[in-house]
C-alpha atoms as a PDB file:
ATOM      1  CA  MET A   1       0.123  -0.016  -0.031  1.00  0.00           C
ATOM      2  CA  SER A   2       1.468   3.478  -1.056  1.00  0.00           C
ATOM      3  CA  PRO A   3       1.780   6.016   1.961  1.00  0.00           C
ATOM      4  CA  THR A   4      -0.744   8.733   2.170  1.00  0.00           C
ATOM      5  CA  SER A   5      -0.843  12.086   3.603  1.00  0.00           C
ATOM      6  CA  ALA A   6      -0.694  12.344   7.454  1.00  0.00           C
ATOM      7  CA  PRO A   7      -0.785  15.324   9.775  1.00  0.00           C
ATOM      8  CA  PHE A   8       2.622  17.114  10.318  1.00  0.00           C
ATOM      9  CA  LEU A   9       2.099  19.246  13.431  1.00  0.00           C
ATOM     10  CA  SER A  10       4.090  22.193  12.176  1.00  0.00           C
ATOM     11  CA  ASP A  11       3.297  24.340  15.235  1.00  0.00           C
ATOM     12  CA  ILE A  12       5.722  22.190  17.144  1.00  0.00           C
ATOM     13  CA  ALA A  13       8.204  21.855  14.551  1.00  0.00           C
ATOM     14  CA  PHE A  14      11.257  24.160  15.714  1.00  0.00           C
ATOM     15  CA  GLY A  15      13.747  23.593  12.968  1.00  0.00           C
ATOM     16  CA  GLU A  16      12.811  24.791   9.365  1.00  0.00           C
ATOM     17  CA  PRO A  17       9.781  24.997   7.232  1.00  0.00           C
ATOM     18  CA  GLY A  18       9.103  22.275   5.049  1.00  0.00           C
ATOM     19  CA  GLY A  19       8.332  19.122   6.869  1.00  0.00           C
ATOM     20  CA  ALA A  20       5.459  16.694   5.808  1.00  0.00           C
ATOM     21  CA  ALA A  21       4.069  13.482   6.842  1.00  0.00           C
ATOM     22  CA  HIS A  22       2.619  10.251   5.537  1.00  0.00           C
ATOM     23  CA  TRP A  23       0.753   7.161   6.667  1.00  0.00           C
ATOM     24  CA  ALA A  24       2.269   3.834   6.105  1.00  0.00           C
ATOM     25  CA  GLN A  25       1.031   0.216   6.754  1.00  0.00           C
ATOM     26  CA  THR A  26       3.271  -2.638   8.473  1.00  0.00           C
ATOM     27  CA  SER A  27       2.941  -6.122   7.089  1.00  0.00           C
ATOM     28  CA  ASP A  28       1.424  -6.813  10.313  1.00  0.00           C
ATOM     29  CA  GLY A  29      -1.544  -4.121   9.657  1.00  0.00           C
ATOM     30  CA  HIS A  30      -0.228  -1.312  11.815  1.00  0.00           C
ATOM     31  CA  ARG A  31      -0.422   2.182  10.994  1.00  0.00           C
ATOM     32  CA  VAL A  32       2.977   4.269  11.455  1.00  0.00           C
ATOM     33  CA  ARG A  33       3.714   7.890  10.703  1.00  0.00           C
ATOM     34  CA  LEU A  34       6.667   9.077   8.282  1.00  0.00           C
ATOM     35  CA  GLY A  35       8.185  12.317   8.624  1.00  0.00           C
ATOM     36  CA  VAL A  36       9.634  13.584   5.281  1.00  0.00           C
ATOM     37  CA  TRP A  37      11.958  16.447   4.780  1.00  0.00           C
ATOM     38  CA  GLU A  38      12.954  17.047   1.087  1.00  0.00           C
ATOM     39  CA  ARG A  39      15.855  18.832  -0.251  1.00  0.00           C
ATOM     40  CA  PRO A  40      16.269  20.012  -3.887  1.00  0.00           C
ATOM     41  CA  GLU A  41      19.320  18.082  -5.383  1.00  0.00           C
ATOM     42  CA  ALA A  42      20.070  16.119  -2.155  1.00  0.00           C
ATOM     43  CA  LYS A  43      23.277  14.017  -1.571  1.00  0.00           C
ATOM     44  CA  GLY A  44      21.132  11.368  -0.308  1.00  0.00           C
ATOM     45  CA  THR A  45      18.211  10.565   2.454  1.00  0.00           C
ATOM     46  CA  VAL A  46      19.013  10.145   6.095  1.00  0.00           C
ATOM     47  CA  LEU A  47      16.768   7.510   7.786  1.00  0.00           C
ATOM     48  CA  ILE A  48      16.141   8.891  11.334  1.00  0.00           C
ATOM     49  CA  PHE A  49      15.401   6.198  13.999  1.00  0.00           C
ATOM     50  CA  PRO A  50      13.874   8.123  17.162  1.00  0.00           C
ATOM     51  CA  GLY A  51      14.018   6.718  20.589  1.00  0.00           C
ATOM     52  CA  ARG A  52      11.242   5.502  22.793  1.00  0.00           C
ATOM     53  CA  THR A  53       8.454   8.087  23.599  1.00  0.00           C
ATOM     54  CA  GLU A  54       9.532  10.177  20.685  1.00  0.00           C
ATOM     55  CA  PHE A  55       7.911  11.606  17.746  1.00  0.00           C
ATOM     56  CA  ILE A  56       8.608  12.877  14.276  1.00  0.00           C
ATOM     57  CA  GLU A  57       8.218  16.675  14.862  1.00  0.00           C
ATOM     58  CA  LYS A  58      10.837  16.165  17.661  1.00  0.00           C
ATOM     59  CA  TYR A  59      13.420  15.687  15.104  1.00  0.00           C
ATOM     60  CA  ASP A  60      12.431  18.718  13.024  1.00  0.00           C
ATOM     61  CA  VAL A  61      15.521  20.306  14.167  1.00  0.00           C
ATOM     62  CA  CYS A  62      17.780  17.333  13.293  1.00  0.00           C
ATOM     63  CA  ALA A  63      16.276  17.303   9.948  1.00  0.00           C
ATOM     64  CA  ALA A  64      17.107  21.087   9.569  1.00  0.00           C
ATOM     65  CA  GLN A  65      20.710  20.532  10.434  1.00  0.00           C
ATOM     66  CA  LEU A  66      20.816  17.690   7.816  1.00  0.00           C
ATOM     67  CA  THR A  67      19.097  19.920   5.151  1.00  0.00           C
ATOM     68  CA  ARG A  68      21.797  22.506   5.664  1.00  0.00           C
ATOM     69  CA  ARG A  69      24.401  19.979   5.295  1.00  0.00           C
ATOM     70  CA  GLY A  70      22.922  18.630   1.968  1.00  0.00           C
ATOM     71  CA  PHE A  71      20.543  15.753   2.897  1.00  0.00           C
ATOM     72  CA  ALA A  72      16.977  14.828   2.661  1.00  0.00           C
ATOM     73  CA  SER A  73      15.614  12.969   5.671  1.00  0.00           C
ATOM     74  CA  MET A  74      12.763  10.788   6.995  1.00  0.00           C
ATOM     75  CA  ALA A  75      11.860   9.953  10.426  1.00  0.00           C
ATOM     76  CA  ILE A  76       9.380   7.350  12.087  1.00  0.00           C
ATOM     77  CA  ASP A  77       6.770   7.221  14.540  1.00  0.00           C
ATOM     78  CA  TRP A  78       7.320   3.634  15.849  1.00  0.00           C
ATOM     79  CA  ARG A  79       4.332   1.759  16.731  1.00  0.00           C
ATOM     80  CA  GLY A  80       2.950   2.352  20.102  1.00  0.00           C
ATOM     81  CA  GLN A  81       4.348   6.006  20.199  1.00  0.00           C
ATOM     82  CA  GLY A  82       3.572   9.193  18.533  1.00  0.00           C
ATOM     83  CA  LEU A  83       0.635   9.281  16.290  1.00  0.00           C
ATOM     84  CA  ALA A  84       1.381   5.729  15.147  1.00  0.00           C
ATOM     85  CA  ASP A  85      -1.166   3.004  16.333  1.00  0.00           C
ATOM     86  CA  ARG A  86      -0.976   2.712  20.189  1.00  0.00           C
ATOM     87  CA  LEU A  87      -0.958  -1.036  21.059  1.00  0.00           C
ATOM     88  CA  LEU A  88      -2.648  -0.812  24.294  1.00  0.00           C
ATOM     89  CA  ASP A  89      -5.822   0.075  26.007  1.00  0.00           C
ATOM     90  CA  ASN A  90      -4.132   2.620  27.944  1.00  0.00           C
ATOM     91  CA  PRO A  91      -2.273   4.625  25.309  1.00  0.00           C
ATOM     92  CA  LEU A  92       0.119   6.043  27.579  1.00  0.00           C
ATOM     93  CA  ILE A  93       2.209   2.974  28.516  1.00  0.00           C
ATOM     94  CA  GLY A  94       4.848   2.127  26.030  1.00  0.00           C
ATOM     95  CA  HIS A  95       4.553  -1.235  24.519  1.00  0.00           C
ATOM     96  CA  VAL A  96       5.838  -3.832  22.085  1.00  0.00           C
ATOM     97  CA  GLU A  97       4.653  -7.559  21.623  1.00  0.00           C
ATOM     98  CA  HIS A  98       8.296  -8.559  20.359  1.00  0.00           C
ATOM     99  CA  PHE A  99      11.084  -6.404  19.846  1.00  0.00           C
ATOM    100  CA  PRO A 100      11.879  -7.609  16.383  1.00  0.00           C
ATOM    101  CA  ASP A 101       8.215  -6.239  15.458  1.00  0.00           C
ATOM    102  CA  TYR A 102      10.023  -3.137  15.158  1.00  0.00           C
ATOM    103  CA  GLN A 103      11.849  -4.225  11.800  1.00  0.00           C
ATOM    104  CA  LYS A 104       8.245  -4.495  10.160  1.00  0.00           C
ATOM    105  CA  ASP A 105       8.072  -0.575  10.930  1.00  0.00           C
ATOM    106  CA  VAL A 106      11.465  -0.458   9.391  1.00  0.00           C
ATOM    107  CA  ASN A 107      10.470  -2.139   6.349  1.00  0.00           C
ATOM    108  CA  ALA A 108       7.351   0.126   5.999  1.00  0.00           C
ATOM    109  CA  LEU A 109       9.656   3.175   6.167  1.00  0.00           C
ATOM    110  CA  VAL A 110      12.008   1.652   3.409  1.00  0.00           C
ATOM    111  CA  ARG A 111       9.257   0.916   1.277  1.00  0.00           C
ATOM    112  CA  ALA A 112       7.829   4.513   1.458  1.00  0.00           C
ATOM    113  CA  ALA A 113      11.204   5.827   0.916  1.00  0.00           C
ATOM    114  CA  ARG A 114      11.184   3.798  -2.434  1.00  0.00           C
ATOM    115  CA  THR A 115       7.853   4.912  -3.493  1.00  0.00           C
ATOM    116  CA  LEU A 116       8.253   8.663  -2.703  1.00  0.00           C
ATOM    117  CA  GLU A 117      11.518   8.298  -4.749  1.00  0.00           C
ATOM    118  CA  MET A 118      13.762   9.774  -1.837  1.00  0.00           C
ATOM    119  CA  PRO A 119      17.232  10.617  -3.016  1.00  0.00           C
ATOM    120  CA  ARG A 120      19.805   7.800  -2.698  1.00  0.00           C
ATOM    121  CA  PRO A 121      22.024   6.693  -1.176  1.00  0.00           C
ATOM    122  CA  PHE A 122      20.203   6.085   2.103  1.00  0.00           C
ATOM    123  CA  PHE A 123      22.155   6.780   5.436  1.00  0.00           C
ATOM    124  CA  LEU A 124      20.948   5.622   9.147  1.00  0.00           C
ATOM    125  CA  LEU A 125      20.872   8.066  12.048  1.00  0.00           C
ATOM    126  CA  ALA A 126      19.543   6.489  15.155  1.00  0.00           C
ATOM    127  CA  HIS A 127      19.159   7.436  18.810  1.00  0.00           C
ATOM    128  CA  SER A 128      18.617   5.580  21.923  1.00  0.00           C
ATOM    129  CA  MET A 129      15.957   2.768  21.493  1.00  0.00           C
ATOM    130  CA  GLY A 130      16.339   3.569  17.580  1.00  0.00           C
ATOM    131  CA  GLY A 131      19.917   2.388  17.965  1.00  0.00           C
ATOM    132  CA  ALA A 132      18.670  -0.805  19.127  1.00  0.00           C
ATOM    133  CA  ILE A 133      16.434  -1.161  16.187  1.00  0.00           C
ATOM    134  CA  GLY A 134      18.854   0.319  13.712  1.00  0.00           C
ATOM    135  CA  LEU A 135      21.584  -2.074  14.764  1.00  0.00           C
ATOM    136  CA  ARG A 136      19.344  -5.180  13.850  1.00  0.00           C
ATOM    137  CA  ALA A 137      18.298  -3.718  10.936  1.00  0.00           C
ATOM    138  CA  ALA A 138      21.758  -3.095   9.572  1.00  0.00           C
ATOM    139  CA  MET A 139      22.779  -6.564  10.649  1.00  0.00           C
ATOM    140  CA  GLU A 140      20.063  -7.998   8.697  1.00  0.00           C
ATOM    141  CA  GLY A 141      20.452  -6.049   5.414  1.00  0.00           C
ATOM    142  CA  LEU A 142      19.051  -2.572   5.660  1.00  0.00           C
ATOM    143  CA  SER A 143      20.089  -0.687   2.459  1.00  0.00           C
ATOM    144  CA  VAL A 144      22.284   2.037   3.898  1.00  0.00           C
ATOM    145  CA  GLN A 145      26.113   3.086   3.146  1.00  0.00           C
ATOM    146  CA  ALA A 146      26.985   4.359   6.430  1.00  0.00           C
ATOM    147  CA  THR A 147      25.530   4.573  10.099  1.00  0.00           C
ATOM    148  CA  ALA A 148      25.685   7.130  13.011  1.00  0.00           C
ATOM    149  CA  PHE A 149      24.217   6.559  16.437  1.00  0.00           C
ATOM    150  CA  THR A 150      23.706   8.470  19.403  1.00  0.00           C
ATOM    151  CA  GLY A 151      23.134   7.334  22.775  1.00  0.00           C
ATOM    152  CA  PRO A 152      22.144   3.767  21.386  1.00  0.00           C
ATOM    153  CA  MET A 153      20.188   1.350  23.518  1.00  0.00           C
ATOM    154  CA  TRP A 154      22.675  -1.417  23.212  1.00  0.00           C
ATOM    155  CA  GLY A 155      22.242  -1.902  26.863  1.00  0.00           C
ATOM    156  CA  ILE A 156      19.888  -0.600  29.715  1.00  0.00           C
ATOM    157  CA  LYS A 157      21.301   1.190  32.455  1.00  0.00           C
ATOM    158  CA  LEU A 158      20.453  -0.618  35.585  1.00  0.00           C
ATOM    159  CA  ALA A 159      21.878  -0.602  39.002  1.00  0.00           C
ATOM    160  CA  PRO A 160      23.824  -4.169  39.253  1.00  0.00           C
ATOM    161  CA  HIS A 161      21.221  -5.154  42.361  1.00  0.00           C
ATOM    162  CA  LEU A 162      18.189  -4.273  40.150  1.00  0.00           C
ATOM    163  CA  ARG A 163      19.366  -6.372  37.034  1.00  0.00           C
ATOM    164  CA  PRO A 164      18.122  -9.774  38.303  1.00  0.00           C
ATOM    165  CA  VAL A 165      15.070  -8.126  39.590  1.00  0.00           C
ATOM    166  CA  ALA A 166      13.955  -6.450  36.191  1.00  0.00           C
ATOM    167  CA  TRP A 167      14.779  -9.815  34.336  1.00  0.00           C
ATOM    168  CA  LEU A 168      12.433 -11.542  36.835  1.00  0.00           C
ATOM    169  CA  LEU A 169       9.506  -9.145  37.000  1.00  0.00           C
ATOM    170  CA  SER A 170       9.610  -8.721  33.297  1.00  0.00           C
ATOM    171  CA  HIS A 171       9.347 -12.472  32.775  1.00  0.00           C
ATOM    172  CA  VAL A 172       6.941 -13.305  35.606  1.00  0.00           C
ATOM    173  CA  MET A 173       4.393 -10.243  35.330  1.00  0.00           C
ATOM    174  CA  PRO A 174       3.262 -11.454  31.836  1.00  0.00           C
ATOM    175  CA  HIS A 175       2.564 -14.795  32.927  1.00  0.00           C
ATOM    176  CA  VAL A 176       0.306 -13.614  35.567  1.00  0.00           C
ATOM    177  CA  GLY A 177      -1.588 -11.385  33.269  1.00  0.00           C
ATOM    178  CA  ARG A 178       0.101  -8.120  34.303  1.00  0.00           C
ATOM    179  CA  GLY A 179       2.582  -7.472  31.323  1.00  0.00           C
ATOM    180  CA  ASP A 180       0.666  -4.376  30.359  1.00  0.00           C
ATOM    181  CA  ARG A 181       1.459  -2.718  33.554  1.00  0.00           C
ATOM    182  CA  LEU A 182       4.319  -0.307  34.402  1.00  0.00           C
ATOM    183  CA  PRO A 183       7.352  -1.618  36.001  1.00  0.00           C
ATOM    184  CA  PRO A 184       8.342  -0.065  39.517  1.00  0.00           C
ATOM    185  CA  GLY A 185      10.158   3.226  39.293  1.00  0.00           C
ATOM    186  CA  THR A 186       8.414   4.374  36.105  1.00  0.00           C
ATOM    187  CA  THR A 187       5.260   6.707  35.768  1.00  0.00           C
ATOM    188  CA  ILE A 188       2.302   7.174  33.463  1.00  0.00           C
ATOM    189  CA  GLU A 189       3.497  10.537  32.708  1.00  0.00           C
ATOM    190  CA  HIS A 190       6.368  11.545  30.130  1.00  0.00           C
ATOM    191  CA  HIS A 191       9.189  12.424  31.853  1.00  0.00           C
ATOM    192  CA  VAL A 192       9.835  15.890  30.189  1.00  0.00           C
ATOM    193  CA  LEU A 193       6.283  17.176  31.672  1.00  0.00           C
ATOM    194  CA  THR A 194       7.577  16.077  35.245  1.00  0.00           C
ATOM    195  CA  ASP A 195      11.147  16.707  35.427  1.00  0.00           C
ATOM    196  CA  GLY A 196      12.386  20.083  35.623  1.00  0.00           C
ATOM    197  CA  PHE A 197      15.223  21.156  33.592  1.00  0.00           C
ATOM    198  CA  GLU A 198      17.688  21.121  36.451  1.00  0.00           C
ATOM    199  CA  GLY A 199      16.864  17.149  37.195  1.00  0.00           C
ATOM    200  CA  ASN A 200      16.461  16.235  33.422  1.00  0.00           C
ATOM    201  CA  LEU A 201      18.721  13.298  31.952  1.00  0.00           C
ATOM    202  CA  LEU A 202      18.388  14.644  28.365  1.00  0.00           C
ATOM    203  CA  THR A 203      20.192  17.990  27.356  1.00  0.00           C
ATOM    204  CA  ARG A 204      21.896  20.554  29.123  1.00  0.00           C
ATOM    205  CA  ASP A 205      20.590  23.130  26.779  1.00  0.00           C
ATOM    206  CA  GLN A 206      17.218  24.805  28.428  1.00  0.00           C
ATOM    207  CA  THR A 207      15.957  26.193  25.228  1.00  0.00           C
ATOM    208  CA  GLN A 208      15.951  22.615  23.669  1.00  0.00           C
ATOM    209  CA  PHE A 209      14.272  21.058  26.839  1.00  0.00           C
ATOM    210  CA  GLU A 210      11.525  23.721  26.859  1.00  0.00           C
ATOM    211  CA  GLN A 211      10.747  23.125  23.221  1.00  0.00           C
ATOM    212  CA  MET A 212      10.527  19.349  23.944  1.00  0.00           C
ATOM    213  CA  ARG A 213       7.922  20.282  26.933  1.00  0.00           C
ATOM    214  CA  ARG A 214       5.915  22.864  24.944  1.00  0.00           C
ATOM    215  CA  GLN A 215       5.494  20.030  22.090  1.00  0.00           C
ATOM    216  CA  LEU A 216       4.162  17.790  24.679  1.00  0.00           C
ATOM    217  CA  GLU A 217       1.695  20.449  26.307  1.00  0.00           C
ATOM    218  CA  ALA A 218       0.508  21.650  22.952  1.00  0.00           C
ATOM    219  CA  HIS A 219      -0.102  18.240  21.715  1.00  0.00           C
ATOM    220  CA  PRO A 220      -0.961  15.688  24.760  1.00  0.00           C
ATOM    221  CA  GLU A 221      -1.842  12.796  22.175  1.00  0.00           C
ATOM    222  CA  LEU A 222       1.949  12.293  21.485  1.00  0.00           C
ATOM    223  CA  ALA A 223       2.719  11.775  25.216  1.00  0.00           C
ATOM    224  CA  LEU A 224       3.998   8.196  26.292  1.00  0.00           C
ATOM    225  CA  GLY A 225       4.878   7.318  29.679  1.00  0.00           C
ATOM    226  CA  GLY A 226       6.925   4.283  31.133  1.00  0.00           C
ATOM    227  CA  PRO A 227       7.169   1.067  29.200  1.00  0.00           C
ATOM    228  CA  SER A 228       5.053  -2.174  30.008  1.00  0.00           C
ATOM    229  CA  PHE A 229       6.608  -5.261  31.805  1.00  0.00           C
ATOM    230  CA  VAL A 230       6.567  -6.708  28.055  1.00  0.00           C
ATOM    231  CA  TRP A 231       8.285  -3.979  26.611  1.00  0.00           C
ATOM    232  CA  LEU A 232      10.924  -4.304  29.265  1.00  0.00           C
ATOM    233  CA  ARG A 233      11.550  -8.058  28.657  1.00  0.00           C
ATOM    234  CA  GLU A 234      11.591  -7.645  25.203  1.00  0.00           C
ATOM    235  CA  ALA A 235      14.019  -5.100  25.438  1.00  0.00           C
ATOM    236  CA  LEU A 236      16.407  -6.874  27.575  1.00  0.00           C
ATOM    237  CA  ARG A 237      16.058  -9.953  25.299  1.00  0.00           C
ATOM    238  CA  GLU A 238      16.871  -7.741  22.350  1.00  0.00           C
ATOM    239  CA  THR A 239      20.056  -5.990  23.601  1.00  0.00           C
ATOM    240  CA  ARG A 240      21.405  -9.501  25.162  1.00  0.00           C
ATOM    241  CA  HIS A 241      20.505 -11.058  21.562  1.00  0.00           C
ATOM    242  CA  LEU A 242      22.354  -8.025  19.771  1.00  0.00           C
ATOM    243  CA  ALA A 243      25.269  -8.237  22.045  1.00  0.00           C
ATOM    244  CA  GLY A 244      26.098 -11.871  20.640  1.00  0.00           C
ATOM    245  CA  ARG A 245      26.049 -10.872  17.007  1.00  0.00           C
ATOM    246  CA  PRO A 246      28.822  -9.488  14.839  1.00  0.00           C
ATOM    247  CA  SER A 247      28.749  -5.871  13.832  1.00  0.00           C
ATOM    248  CA  PRO A 248      27.390  -5.255  10.148  1.00  0.00           C
ATOM    249  CA  ASN A 249      30.200  -4.219   7.568  1.00  0.00           C
ATOM    250  CA  LEU A 250      29.281  -1.017   7.476  1.00  0.00           C
ATOM    251  CA  PRO A 251      31.005   2.477   8.689  1.00  0.00           C
ATOM    252  CA  CYS A 252      29.805   3.624  11.834  1.00  0.00           C
ATOM    253  CA  LEU A 253      30.083   6.778  13.858  1.00  0.00           C
ATOM    254  CA  THR A 254      28.859   6.700  17.603  1.00  0.00           C
ATOM    255  CA  PHE A 255      28.385   9.536  20.092  1.00  0.00           C
ATOM    256  CA  VAL A 256      27.691   9.267  23.835  1.00  0.00           C
ATOM    257  CA  GLY A 257      27.616  11.904  26.476  1.00  0.00           C
ATOM    258  CA  THR A 258      30.047  11.550  29.397  1.00  0.00           C
ATOM    259  CA  ASN A 259      27.142  12.039  31.604  1.00  0.00           C
ATOM    260  CA  GLU A 260      24.947   9.347  29.820  1.00  0.00           C
ATOM    261  CA  ARG A 261      22.619   7.838  32.562  1.00  0.00           C
ATOM    262  CA  ILE A 262      19.957   6.117  30.367  1.00  0.00           C
ATOM    263  CA  VAL A 263      21.520   3.376  28.400  1.00  0.00           C
ATOM    264  CA  GLU A 264      24.412   1.427  29.380  1.00  0.00           C
ATOM    265  CA  VAL A 265      27.700   2.911  28.334  1.00  0.00           C
ATOM    266  CA  SER A 266      29.592  -0.338  28.768  1.00  0.00           C
ATOM    267  CA  ALA A 267      27.849  -2.008  26.188  1.00  0.00           C
ATOM    268  CA  ILE A 268      28.434   0.802  23.638  1.00  0.00           C
ATOM    269  CA  GLN A 269      32.297   0.529  24.590  1.00  0.00           C
ATOM    270  CA  ALA A 270      32.305  -3.080  23.962  1.00  0.00           C
ATOM    271  CA  ARG A 271      30.299  -2.910  20.540  1.00  0.00           C
ATOM    272  CA  MET A 272      32.455   0.091  19.170  1.00  0.00           C
ATOM    273  CA  ALA A 273      35.736  -1.457  20.222  1.00  0.00           C
ATOM    274  CA  ALA A 274      34.889  -4.599  17.971  1.00  0.00           C
ATOM    275  CA  TRP A 275      33.362  -2.776  15.091  1.00  0.00           C
ATOM    276  CA  LYS A 276      35.766  -2.169  12.184  1.00  0.00           C
ATOM    277  CA  ARG A 277      35.433   1.155  10.195  1.00  0.00           C
ATOM    278  CA  SER A 278      33.926   2.514  13.258  1.00  0.00           C
ATOM    279  CA  SER A 279      34.710   5.623  15.795  1.00  0.00           C
ATOM    280  CA  LEU A 280      33.440   6.240  19.185  1.00  0.00           C
ATOM    281  CA  GLU A 281      33.066   9.914  20.136  1.00  0.00           C
ATOM    282  CA  LEU A 282      32.456  11.057  23.683  1.00  0.00           C
ATOM    283  CA  VAL A 283      30.627  14.333  24.186  1.00  0.00           C
ATOM    284  CA  GLU A 284      32.157  16.168  27.111  1.00  0.00           C
ATOM    285  CA  ASP A 285      29.429  16.726  29.928  1.00  0.00           C
ATOM    286  CA  GLY A 286      26.915  15.617  27.422  1.00  0.00           C
ATOM    287  CA  GLU A 287      23.610  13.928  28.322  1.00  0.00           C
ATOM    288  CA  HIS A 288      21.429  11.269  26.456  1.00  0.00           C
ATOM    289  CA  GLU A 289      20.313  13.488  23.488  1.00  0.00           C
ATOM    290  CA  VAL A 290      23.661  14.884  22.277  1.00  0.00           C
ATOM    291  CA  LEU A 291      22.170  16.194  19.127  1.00  0.00           C
ATOM    292  CA  MET A 292      19.506  18.374  21.093  1.00  0.00           C
ATOM    293  CA  GLU A 293      22.226  20.423  22.579  1.00  0.00           C
ATOM    294  CA  SER A 294      23.233  24.128  21.714  1.00  0.00           C
ATOM    295  CA  GLU A 295      24.370  24.622  18.534  1.00  0.00           C
ATOM    296  CA  ALA A 296      27.822  25.017  19.763  1.00  0.00           C
ATOM    297  CA  VAL A 297      27.811  21.412  20.764  1.00  0.00           C
ATOM    298  CA  ALA A 298      25.470  19.745  18.272  1.00  0.00           C
ATOM    299  CA  GLY A 299      26.692  21.627  15.213  1.00  0.00           C
ATOM    300  CA  PRO A 300      30.180  19.857  15.106  1.00  0.00           C
ATOM    301  CA  LEU A 301      28.438  16.628  15.792  1.00  0.00           C
ATOM    302  CA  PHE A 302      26.400  17.015  12.702  1.00  0.00           C
ATOM    303  CA  ASP A 303      29.542  18.141  10.752  1.00  0.00           C
ATOM    304  CA  GLN A 304      31.167  14.783  11.557  1.00  0.00           C
ATOM    305  CA  ILE A 305      27.973  12.794  10.573  1.00  0.00           C
ATOM    306  CA  ALA A 306      27.649  14.603   7.446  1.00  0.00           C
ATOM    307  CA  ALA A 307      31.593  14.110   6.678  1.00  0.00           C
ATOM    308  CA  LEU A 308      31.007  10.268   7.061  1.00  0.00           C
ATOM    309  CA  PHE A 309      27.911  10.293   4.895  1.00  0.00           C
ATOM    310  CA  LEU A 310      29.326  12.530   1.989  1.00  0.00           C
ATOM    311  CA  SER A 311      32.362  10.542   1.845  1.00  0.00           C
ATOM    312  CA  GLY A 312      30.360   7.648   0.790  1.00  0.00           C
ATOM    313  CA  GLY A 313      31.069   5.760   3.939  1.00  0.00           C
ATOM    314  CA  HIS A 314      34.656   5.846   3.377  1.00  0.00           C
ATOM    315  CA  GLY A 315      35.570   8.547   5.865  1.00  0.00           C
END
């Protein structure tokens, strides 16, 4: 099925004018939403894989950075978040039945990119949960020339004494009919709405943080709270599975903040140490979303990403 027009919430797109949105259908019948930012005479298209709780308008600022460097881009509302089909009766709980189901969303995105005749070649820019989805996709033949990751979820940050508890509860609770409930320590509210700037784990830039808050206040239908026990079980399984597989034969540039507190940095370091044609860059004092910092911090990171992509993956 060809992509059809979808709402693009331009009132909360804080990059540059020109974004559009399309619906796409997955092979198992879910509707996902795609963001598209075209660029005349683009040097290729960057496929943006957002993190958990995110939505395409949040990436308008990243798309603007890529547009200025010569790229078109596409982003996706994964199943269960943004304006894509929510999967539980309570739409505020993040959920997926099986983590590889996200690959069906990836396939829908790639099919749409081809149908829309987005400029080739394709490149991957993936953040957080999107980093786990993107890593599997690249391992399984995603047609991209190079990859870039920020704070990729190749492991979930858990205190050592809580890790066995998380494994136990995430496997037991679904068996007793409570797999759609929130794990302890998570809330139904989106953390951007409950955390003040001083306590946030995402960015050091207050302007970026306030924009995130304004997006959700203007469009509460985009909000997503904590994950379900099933999501947690599936994410733990997926990160363990990925850790046992070799890296794809693609150039890779990964950024992680030195103050990262959401994903497991040691898992990133282990992956990158064994990935040929790769580079791991530490962002000094950076939090989880290093591309959503001030221009002084984020601009040079986009320069590095663009240099890798423009080199045809040989930089």
